[in-house]
Amino acid sequence: MKILIVQDYLRSGGTERQSVFMATMFAQAGHEVTLLTFRPRGILEWAGEQQPFACRALQSFDTHFDWFAPGLLKAAEEAAPQLVLCMGRMANCYAGFIQQRLPQAAVICTMRTGKPLPYLFVRSLQRCRHIVANSHVAKRVLTDQHNIPAHQITVIHNSVLCSTEANVPRNQALRRLHQANPTTMVLLNVAMFRPEKNQLELIEICAKLPGYLDWQLWLAGEGPARKQCARLAHDLGLGSRVKFLGYQSNPAPLYLAADLAVLASQSESLPNFLIEAQLHGLPTVAYDIVGVGECFVPDRSGYLIANHHQTGFGAALERLIREPALRHRFAEQGRRHAQANFAPTHQVQAHLNLFRELTQT
């Protein structure tokens, strides 16, 4: 099968990581895969000799405009795909045009965001052959708010992209590097620093924890909101407790060093971070938005908190910090949930089964 995956830019976000992963897995399964990006030279770009799929950028140099896709329809036509998978916000906005240009191809939109959808995105949803939503809540958004027929939507959860061997010991060396002693509770968040990821509120919540509790907040990622977060941590006197770890190409060592996963994001459909954290046995505290509650088992492997209820979020953190037996119980349930629901082989096969069904009709 000839598969074209369309993505605006290979930045370090979860959707982009899923795009590269799926391109790799589809190619290794014997399919002819092209990953077509609008902007060139993203952080996730492969070294050429290792890349099992073709990769092409539409912009000859990086204009820094995610929406600028010169020659997109011509490039899609030249690729002559049987199936087109549009990943990311801008790629989905163009999906309707691609379906119109390539009527014989099956063009699939994806619903992987908690943000409001722009007009072109909604129009593409109405014109494409099928839609993959990465959470059941995202599917309900499409049916209830955008009148998309349920039979045109398939729910396929994200794959776990960061795994490790079972029973790997805690990463004490990394904890020592960041001055976390054996009793320090390390709260971890892995996300790009964008306003909607809301690391600011995590810092505010942690600032209200009782002063005698021994904790650190580790924030891994890069982005435009990092400086503002660093200023807030400094202004609140948390300079020694809040650690800014930068972009992590492989966050597995962080999961092995941390104790809890925390997420206050306002724009998620199914965050990879929480899935990976569950696999590594990190109990979760997160705000209840879109598909976040599908990443873990509320009240059994984490706490799902009403959005912006800072008092409830802080109380859940305090309870988990105080009760090691509860953390252990949540950790075991989280591992089982992640292994049962987000295994890469299952998710890749679900995509390929859907692709075959769509290209044979």
Protein backbone atom coordinates (compact mmCIF):
# COMPACT_ATOMS: atom_id res chain seq x y z
CA MET A 1 0.00 0.00 0.00
CA LYS A 2 1.21 3.52 -0.79
CA ILE A 3 0.69 5.72 2.27
CA LEU A 4 1.19 9.49 2.47
CA ILE A 5 1.40 11.04 5.95
CA VAL A 6 1.00 14.83 6.01
CA GLN A 7 2.37 16.88 8.92
CA ASP A 8 3.09 20.59 9.18
CA TYR A 9 6.36 20.41 11.12
CA LEU A 10 8.39 17.84 13.04
CA ARG A 11 8.59 19.72 16.33
CA SER A 12 8.80 17.79 19.59
CA GLY A 13 5.07 17.49 20.32
CA GLY A 14 3.11 14.28 20.82
CA THR A 15 1.34 14.34 17.45
CA GLU A 16 4.64 14.82 15.63
CA ARG A 17 6.22 11.93 17.53
CA GLN A 18 3.25 9.75 16.61
CA SER A 19 3.65 10.75 12.95
CA VAL A 20 7.29 9.67 12.82
CA PHE A 21 6.52 6.49 14.75
CA MET A 22 3.68 5.46 12.44
CA ALA A 23 5.66 6.27 9.30
CA THR A 24 8.41 4.02 10.63
CA MET A 25 6.13 1.16 11.61
CA PHE A 26 4.09 1.24 8.40
CA ALA A 27 7.32 1.16 6.36
CA GLN A 28 8.70 -1.71 8.40
CA ALA A 29 5.45 -3.59 7.76
CA GLY A 30 6.26 -3.46 4.04
CA HIS A 31 4.28 -0.43 2.89
CA GLU A 32 5.62 2.41 0.74
CA VAL A 33 5.45 5.44 3.01
CA THR A 34 6.11 9.13 2.41
CA LEU A 35 6.11 11.67 5.24
CA LEU A 36 5.32 15.07 3.73
CA THR A 37 5.94 18.13 5.93
CA PHE A 38 5.26 21.80 5.31
CA ARG A 39 8.34 23.10 7.16
CA PRO A 40 11.80 21.48 6.93
CA ARG A 41 14.35 20.37 9.52
CA GLY A 42 12.27 19.72 12.61
CA ILE A 43 13.80 18.34 15.77
CA LEU A 44 12.38 14.86 15.09
CA GLU A 45 13.84 14.58 11.59
CA TRP A 46 15.65 11.30 10.96
CA ALA A 47 19.21 10.78 9.85
CA GLY A 48 18.90 9.91 6.17
CA GLU A 49 20.65 6.56 6.18
CA GLN A 50 18.43 5.22 8.99
CA GLN A 51 15.12 6.45 7.67
CA PRO A 52 12.87 3.61 6.44
CA PHE A 53 10.41 5.98 4.72
CA ALA A 54 10.65 8.83 2.23
CA CYS A 55 10.55 12.32 3.69
CA ARG A 56 9.91 15.54 1.79
CA ALA A 57 9.42 19.17 2.89
CA LEU A 58 7.36 21.64 0.87
CA GLN A 59 9.16 24.78 2.01
CA SER A 60 12.63 25.07 0.46
CA PHE A 61 13.73 26.94 3.58
CA ASP A 62 12.01 27.32 6.92
CA THR A 63 9.61 30.26 6.77
CA HIS A 64 8.42 29.49 10.34
CA PHE A 65 4.84 29.48 9.05
CA ASP A 66 3.14 26.19 9.96
CA TRP A 67 0.25 26.92 7.58
CA PHE A 68 2.36 27.62 4.46
CA ALA A 69 2.24 24.55 2.20
CA PRO A 70 3.50 25.55 -1.27
CA GLY A 71 2.80 22.89 -3.89
CA LEU A 72 0.97 20.60 -1.46
CA LEU A 73 -1.64 19.32 -3.89
CA LYS A 74 0.92 18.76 -6.65
CA ALA A 75 3.20 16.88 -4.24
CA ALA A 76 0.30 14.74 -3.05
CA GLU A 77 -0.61 13.96 -6.65
CA GLU A 78 2.98 13.00 -7.49
CA ALA A 79 3.12 10.64 -4.52
CA ALA A 80 0.07 8.83 -5.96
CA PRO A 81 -0.99 7.42 -2.59
CA GLN A 82 -3.80 4.98 -2.01
CA LEU A 83 -4.24 6.47 1.44
CA VAL A 84 -3.46 9.88 2.97
CA LEU A 85 -3.23 10.31 6.75
CA CYS A 86 -3.36 13.95 7.87
CA MET A 87 -1.75 14.57 11.24
CA GLY A 88 -1.70 17.88 13.08
CA ARG A 89 -3.89 20.94 12.95
CA MET A 90 -2.65 22.54 9.71
CA ALA A 91 -2.43 19.27 7.82
CA ASN A 92 -6.06 18.55 8.68
CA CYS A 93 -7.09 21.99 7.45
CA TYR A 94 -5.79 20.99 4.00
CA ALA A 95 -7.26 17.47 4.04
CA GLY A 96 -10.46 18.48 2.23
CA PHE A 97 -8.47 19.99 -0.63
CA ILE A 98 -6.35 16.83 -0.88
CA GLN A 99 -9.46 14.63 -1.01
CA GLN A 100 -10.89 16.83 -3.77
CA ARG A 101 -7.65 16.60 -5.80
CA LEU A 102 -7.26 12.84 -5.18
CA PRO A 103 -10.81 11.44 -5.31
CA GLN A 104 -9.56 7.85 -5.69
CA ALA A 105 -7.46 8.03 -2.53
CA ALA A 106 -8.82 7.53 0.96
CA VAL A 107 -7.99 10.72 2.88
CA ILE A 108 -8.18 10.36 6.65
CA CYS A 109 -8.48 13.31 9.01
CA THR A 110 -7.37 12.93 12.61
CA MET A 111 -8.92 14.45 15.73
CA ARG A 112 -6.06 14.80 18.21
CA THR A 113 -6.65 18.19 19.80
CA GLY A 114 -8.68 19.81 22.55
CA LYS A 115 -8.54 23.23 20.87
CA PRO A 116 -11.50 24.75 19.02
CA LEU A 117 -11.43 23.69 15.39
CA PRO A 118 -11.02 26.34 12.65
CA TYR A 119 -13.39 26.48 9.70
CA LEU A 120 -11.07 24.71 7.25
CA PHE A 121 -10.53 21.85 9.73
CA VAL A 122 -14.29 21.34 10.10
CA ARG A 123 -14.77 21.49 6.34
CA SER A 124 -12.10 18.82 5.89
CA LEU A 125 -13.85 16.61 8.44
CA GLN A 126 -16.97 16.81 6.29
CA ARG A 127 -15.15 16.08 3.02
CA CYS A 128 -12.59 13.42 3.90
CA ARG A 129 -13.23 9.68 3.56
CA HIS A 130 -12.84 8.86 7.26
CA ILE A 131 -11.69 10.25 10.63
CA VAL A 132 -9.47 8.72 13.32
CA ALA A 133 -10.05 10.16 16.80
CA ASN A 134 -7.52 9.29 19.48
CA SER A 135 -10.07 9.29 22.31
CA HIS A 136 -13.74 8.47 22.77
CA VAL A 137 -14.35 11.97 24.12
CA ALA A 138 -12.83 13.43 20.94
CA LYS A 139 -15.25 11.30 18.92
CA ARG A 140 -18.18 12.68 20.94
CA VAL A 141 -16.98 16.22 20.24
CA LEU A 142 -17.13 15.45 16.51
CA THR A 143 -20.59 13.86 16.63
CA ASP A 144 -22.18 16.29 19.10
CA GLN A 145 -20.60 19.60 18.10
CA HIS A 146 -19.84 19.10 14.41
CA ASN A 147 -22.58 16.65 13.34
CA ILE A 148 -20.14 14.07 11.96
CA PRO A 149 -21.83 10.65 11.61
CA ALA A 150 -20.46 8.19 14.15
CA HIS A 151 -19.83 5.52 11.50
CA GLN A 152 -17.29 7.82 9.81
CA ILE A 153 -15.13 7.94 12.95
CA THR A 154 -12.84 5.25 14.34
CA VAL A 155 -11.25 5.61 17.77
CA ILE A 156 -7.62 4.47 17.90
CA HIS A 157 -5.69 5.51 20.97
CA ASN A 158 -2.11 6.75 20.81
CA SER A 159 0.70 4.24 21.05
CA VAL A 160 3.15 4.24 23.93
CA LEU A 161 6.37 5.58 22.41
CA CYS A 162 8.57 5.53 25.48
CA SER A 163 8.93 2.18 27.20
CA THR A 164 11.42 0.42 29.40
CA GLU A 165 12.08 -3.03 30.80
CA ALA A 166 9.96 -4.14 33.74
CA ASN A 167 11.39 -3.86 37.24
CA VAL A 168 14.10 -1.37 36.25
CA PRO A 169 15.39 0.28 39.44
CA ARG A 170 14.72 3.91 40.24
CA ASN A 171 17.07 6.37 38.56
CA GLN A 172 18.85 7.59 41.69
CA ALA A 173 21.70 9.17 39.74
CA LEU A 174 19.34 11.56 37.97
CA ARG A 175 17.65 12.39 41.24
CA ARG A 176 20.99 13.21 42.85
CA LEU A 177 21.90 15.37 39.86
CA HIS A 178 18.89 17.55 40.63
CA GLN A 179 19.41 17.50 44.41
CA ALA A 180 16.42 15.24 45.11
CA ASN A 181 17.11 13.07 48.13
CA PRO A 182 15.53 9.60 48.59
CA THR A 183 12.48 11.05 50.38
CA THR A 184 11.84 13.91 47.93
CA MET A 185 8.62 13.54 45.93
CA VAL A 186 9.44 14.38 42.32
CA LEU A 187 6.43 15.66 40.36
CA LEU A 188 6.98 15.37 36.61
CA ASN A 189 5.48 17.14 33.62
CA VAL A 190 6.70 16.51 30.05
CA ALA A 191 5.22 18.92 27.51
CA MET A 192 6.11 21.74 25.18
CA PHE A 193 6.08 25.14 26.86
CA ARG A 194 3.04 26.68 25.19
CA PRO A 195 0.45 28.76 27.04
CA GLU A 196 -2.22 26.08 26.62
CA LYS A 197 -0.02 23.46 28.28
CA ASN A 198 -0.48 25.54 31.44
CA GLN A 199 2.74 24.82 33.33
CA LEU A 200 2.12 28.17 35.05
CA GLU A 201 -0.81 26.73 36.95
CA LEU A 202 1.21 23.68 38.01
CA ILE A 203 3.76 26.02 39.56
CA GLU A 204 1.01 27.96 41.33
CA ILE A 205 -0.53 24.75 42.71
CA CYS A 206 2.79 23.45 43.98
CA ALA A 207 3.51 26.80 45.64
CA LYS A 208 0.46 26.24 47.86
CA LEU A 209 1.57 22.81 49.13
CA PRO A 210 2.44 22.74 52.85
CA GLY A 211 5.96 24.09 53.31
CA TYR A 212 7.15 21.10 55.30
CA LEU A 213 6.53 18.65 52.43
CA ASP A 214 9.67 17.64 50.53
CA TRP A 215 8.92 17.93 46.80
CA GLN A 216 10.34 19.05 43.48
CA LEU A 217 8.53 19.88 40.22
CA TRP A 218 10.41 18.79 37.10
CA LEU A 219 9.30 20.46 33.87
CA ALA A 220 10.73 18.88 30.72
CA GLY A 221 10.34 20.63 27.38
CA GLU A 222 11.04 23.81 25.45
CA GLY A 223 8.87 26.54 24.03
CA PRO A 224 7.86 30.18 24.21
CA ALA A 225 6.22 29.97 27.66
CA ARG A 226 9.31 28.67 29.43
CA LYS A 227 10.71 32.10 30.38
CA GLN A 228 7.43 33.18 31.93
CA CYS A 229 7.29 29.96 33.96
CA ALA A 230 10.85 30.46 35.16
CA ARG A 231 10.02 34.01 36.25
CA LEU A 232 6.98 32.81 38.18
CA ALA A 233 8.97 30.09 39.95
CA HIS A 234 11.57 32.68 40.92
CA ASP A 235 8.98 35.20 42.11
CA LEU A 236 7.28 32.55 44.27
CA GLY A 237 10.58 31.57 45.86
CA LEU A 238 10.59 28.12 44.27
CA GLY A 239 13.91 28.38 42.44
CA SER A 240 15.38 25.34 44.16
CA ARG A 241 12.22 23.22 43.84
CA VAL A 242 11.18 23.80 40.21
CA LYS A 243 13.62 22.28 37.70
CA PHE A 244 13.58 23.18 34.00
CA LEU A 245 15.06 20.21 32.19
CA GLY A 246 14.76 21.26 28.54
CA TYR A 247 13.75 19.08 25.60
CA GLN A 248 14.22 15.35 26.19
CA SER A 249 14.43 13.16 23.10
CA ASN A 250 14.00 10.13 25.38
CA PRO A 251 12.09 10.96 28.57
CA ALA A 252 12.28 7.39 29.94
CA PRO A 253 15.03 8.27 32.48
CA LEU A 254 12.77 11.00 33.85
CA TYR A 255 9.91 8.57 34.38
CA LEU A 256 12.28 6.24 36.21
CA ALA A 257 13.39 9.07 38.49
CA ALA A 258 10.01 10.67 39.24
CA ASP A 259 7.25 9.76 41.69
CA LEU A 260 4.12 11.42 40.30
CA ALA A 261 2.88 12.68 36.92
CA VAL A 262 1.05 16.02 36.86
CA LEU A 263 -0.86 17.72 34.04
CA ALA A 264 -2.83 20.99 34.06
CA SER A 265 -2.99 21.36 30.27
CA GLN A 266 -5.99 23.02 28.65
CA SER A 267 -5.45 21.49 25.20
CA GLU A 268 -5.32 17.71 25.06
CA SER A 269 -7.17 14.91 23.38
CA LEU A 270 -5.11 11.99 24.65
CA PRO A 271 -1.73 13.13 26.07
CA ASN A 272 1.18 10.81 25.34
CA PHE A 273 2.90 12.01 28.51
CA LEU A 274 0.28 10.49 30.80
CA ILE A 275 0.21 7.20 28.88
CA GLU A 276 3.99 6.88 29.16
CA ALA A 277 3.90 7.89 32.82
CA GLN A 278 1.33 5.18 33.57
CA LEU A 279 3.46 2.55 31.84
CA HIS A 280 6.34 3.55 34.12
CA GLY A 281 4.21 3.32 37.25
CA LEU A 282 3.69 7.00 37.98
CA PRO A 283 0.38 7.84 39.67
CA THR A 284 -1.31 10.77 37.93
CA VAL A 285 -3.01 13.98 38.97
CA ALA A 286 -4.56 15.83 36.02
CA TYR A 287 -7.31 18.24 35.09
CA ASP A 288 -10.39 16.70 33.48
CA ILE A 289 -10.38 17.95 29.88
CA VAL A 290 -11.36 16.08 26.69
CA GLY A 291 -9.73 12.60 26.69
CA VAL A 292 -7.34 12.96 29.64
CA GLY A 293 -9.45 10.56 31.72
CA GLU A 294 -8.86 7.80 29.15
CA CYS A 295 -5.11 7.82 29.83
CA PHE A 296 -5.49 6.34 33.32
CA VAL A 297 -8.13 4.86 35.62
CA PRO A 298 -9.57 7.66 37.76
CA ASP A 299 -9.38 6.90 41.49
CA ARG A 300 -7.45 3.68 40.77
CA SER A 301 -4.25 4.84 39.07
CA GLY A 302 -4.65 8.60 39.42
CA TYR A 303 -6.93 11.48 40.29
CA LEU A 304 -8.99 13.35 37.69
CA ILE A 305 -9.65 16.87 38.97
CA ALA A 306 -12.31 19.34 37.84
CA ASN A 307 -10.68 21.86 35.52
CA HIS A 308 -8.97 24.77 37.34
CA HIS A 309 -9.92 23.38 40.76
CA GLN A 310 -6.52 24.18 42.23
CA THR A 311 -7.54 23.27 45.77
CA GLY A 312 -8.65 19.79 44.68
CA PHE A 313 -5.49 19.32 42.62
CA GLY A 314 -3.30 20.29 45.58
CA ALA A 315 -5.23 18.03 47.95
CA ALA A 316 -4.76 15.06 45.61
CA LEU A 317 -1.04 15.76 45.39
CA GLU A 318 -0.75 16.06 49.15
CA ARG A 319 -2.53 12.75 49.69
CA LEU A 320 -0.30 10.90 47.25
CA ILE A 321 2.82 12.48 48.73
CA ARG A 322 1.78 11.40 52.23
CA GLU A 323 0.63 7.83 51.43
CA PRO A 324 3.30 5.55 49.89
CA ALA A 325 0.97 2.52 49.97
CA LEU A 326 -1.56 4.41 47.86
CA ARG A 327 1.16 5.41 45.38
CA HIS A 328 2.25 1.77 45.08
CA ARG A 329 -1.32 0.58 44.47
CA PHE A 330 -1.94 3.27 41.86
CA ALA A 331 1.38 2.46 40.17
CA GLU A 332 0.53 -1.21 39.68
CA GLN A 333 -2.91 -0.42 38.27
CA GLY A 334 -1.42 2.20 35.95
CA ARG A 335 1.12 -0.20 34.48
CA ARG A 336 -1.58 -2.78 33.77
CA HIS A 337 -3.85 -0.19 32.18
CA ALA A 338 -1.12 1.17 29.88
CA GLN A 339 0.05 -2.29 28.81
CA ALA A 340 -3.52 -3.40 28.03
CA ASN A 341 -4.68 -0.30 26.15
CA PHE A 342 -1.74 1.44 24.45
CA ALA A 343 0.56 -1.28 23.14
CA PRO A 344 2.25 -0.07 19.92
CA THR A 345 1.71 -3.28 17.98
CA HIS A 346 -2.03 -3.19 18.63
CA GLN A 347 -2.43 0.47 17.68
CA VAL A 348 -0.38 0.14 14.48
CA GLN A 349 -2.36 -2.92 13.43
CA ALA A 350 -5.62 -1.08 14.11
CA HIS A 351 -4.52 1.66 11.70
CA LEU A 352 -3.46 -0.82 9.02
CA ASN A 353 -6.72 -2.78 9.32
CA LEU A 354 -8.67 0.46 8.85
CA PHE A 355 -6.47 1.44 5.88
CA ARG A 356 -7.13 -1.88 4.13
CA GLU A 357 -10.86 -1.54 4.71
CA LEU A 358 -10.95 1.98 3.28
CA THR A 359 -8.79 1.24 0.23
CA GLN A 360 -10.77 -1.87 -0.70
CA THR A 361 -14.14 -0.14 -0.75
